[in-house]
C-alpha cells in the first residue's frame, strides 16, 4: 500500500498586482495555515518518503511552513512538472516515482490537485469524497491510500483516507 498526500498551497497574497503569478508569496493567512497544517502533520505522524513541490513561490513557502511537521531530511524535489499541471499530468508524474518510494507528498495547485484527488478516490467515506469534489481550498490536504505501485496507479483505484482544511485545524 502506498500513501499519497495532496496539499494545495496555502493562501497567497495579491497585494502586488504586477507580480507574476509564479512569484506571488503567501499571505499572512497562508503562513498561519501552513503552520496549522505542520502541526496536523506532526500529530498524525505524516512521514513522506518524497516531497514533490511546485516551483511557484507560494508553493515553496507552503512547503517551508509545513516542513517542521515531517521528519527532518525528507527528500524534496522542486518539480517544474507540478506548476500548472492538470490532473492527468500529475498522475503521469506520480507514475514515474520510483517503486521503492512508499509515500509521496505533493505540494501544488488547483484545479490539478483537486482533479487528481477526485479521479483517484474511488473509495472512502462518501460524504468526505463529496466534500473533496465540491471544494479543495488553499491549504487543503487530501490523504489517499494507493493499493498499487506508482507506475500502476489508475483512476478510481485509491481510497480517500482523510481530507482536512486549515479552518478545521
Foldseek 3Di string as FASTA:
>chain_A
DAKEKEAEFFAWDCPPVPDDQLATAHDPRRLVLLLLLLVVLQVVADEFQEEEFESRRSRVSSCVSNVNSYDPPRHYDHDPQQEPHAQVSVLVVQLPPDQVGRYYYYYHHPPRSLRNVLFAALAEDVVQSVVSNVDQHHRKMWMWDAPDGSNPRGTNRIHGPDIDHSVVD
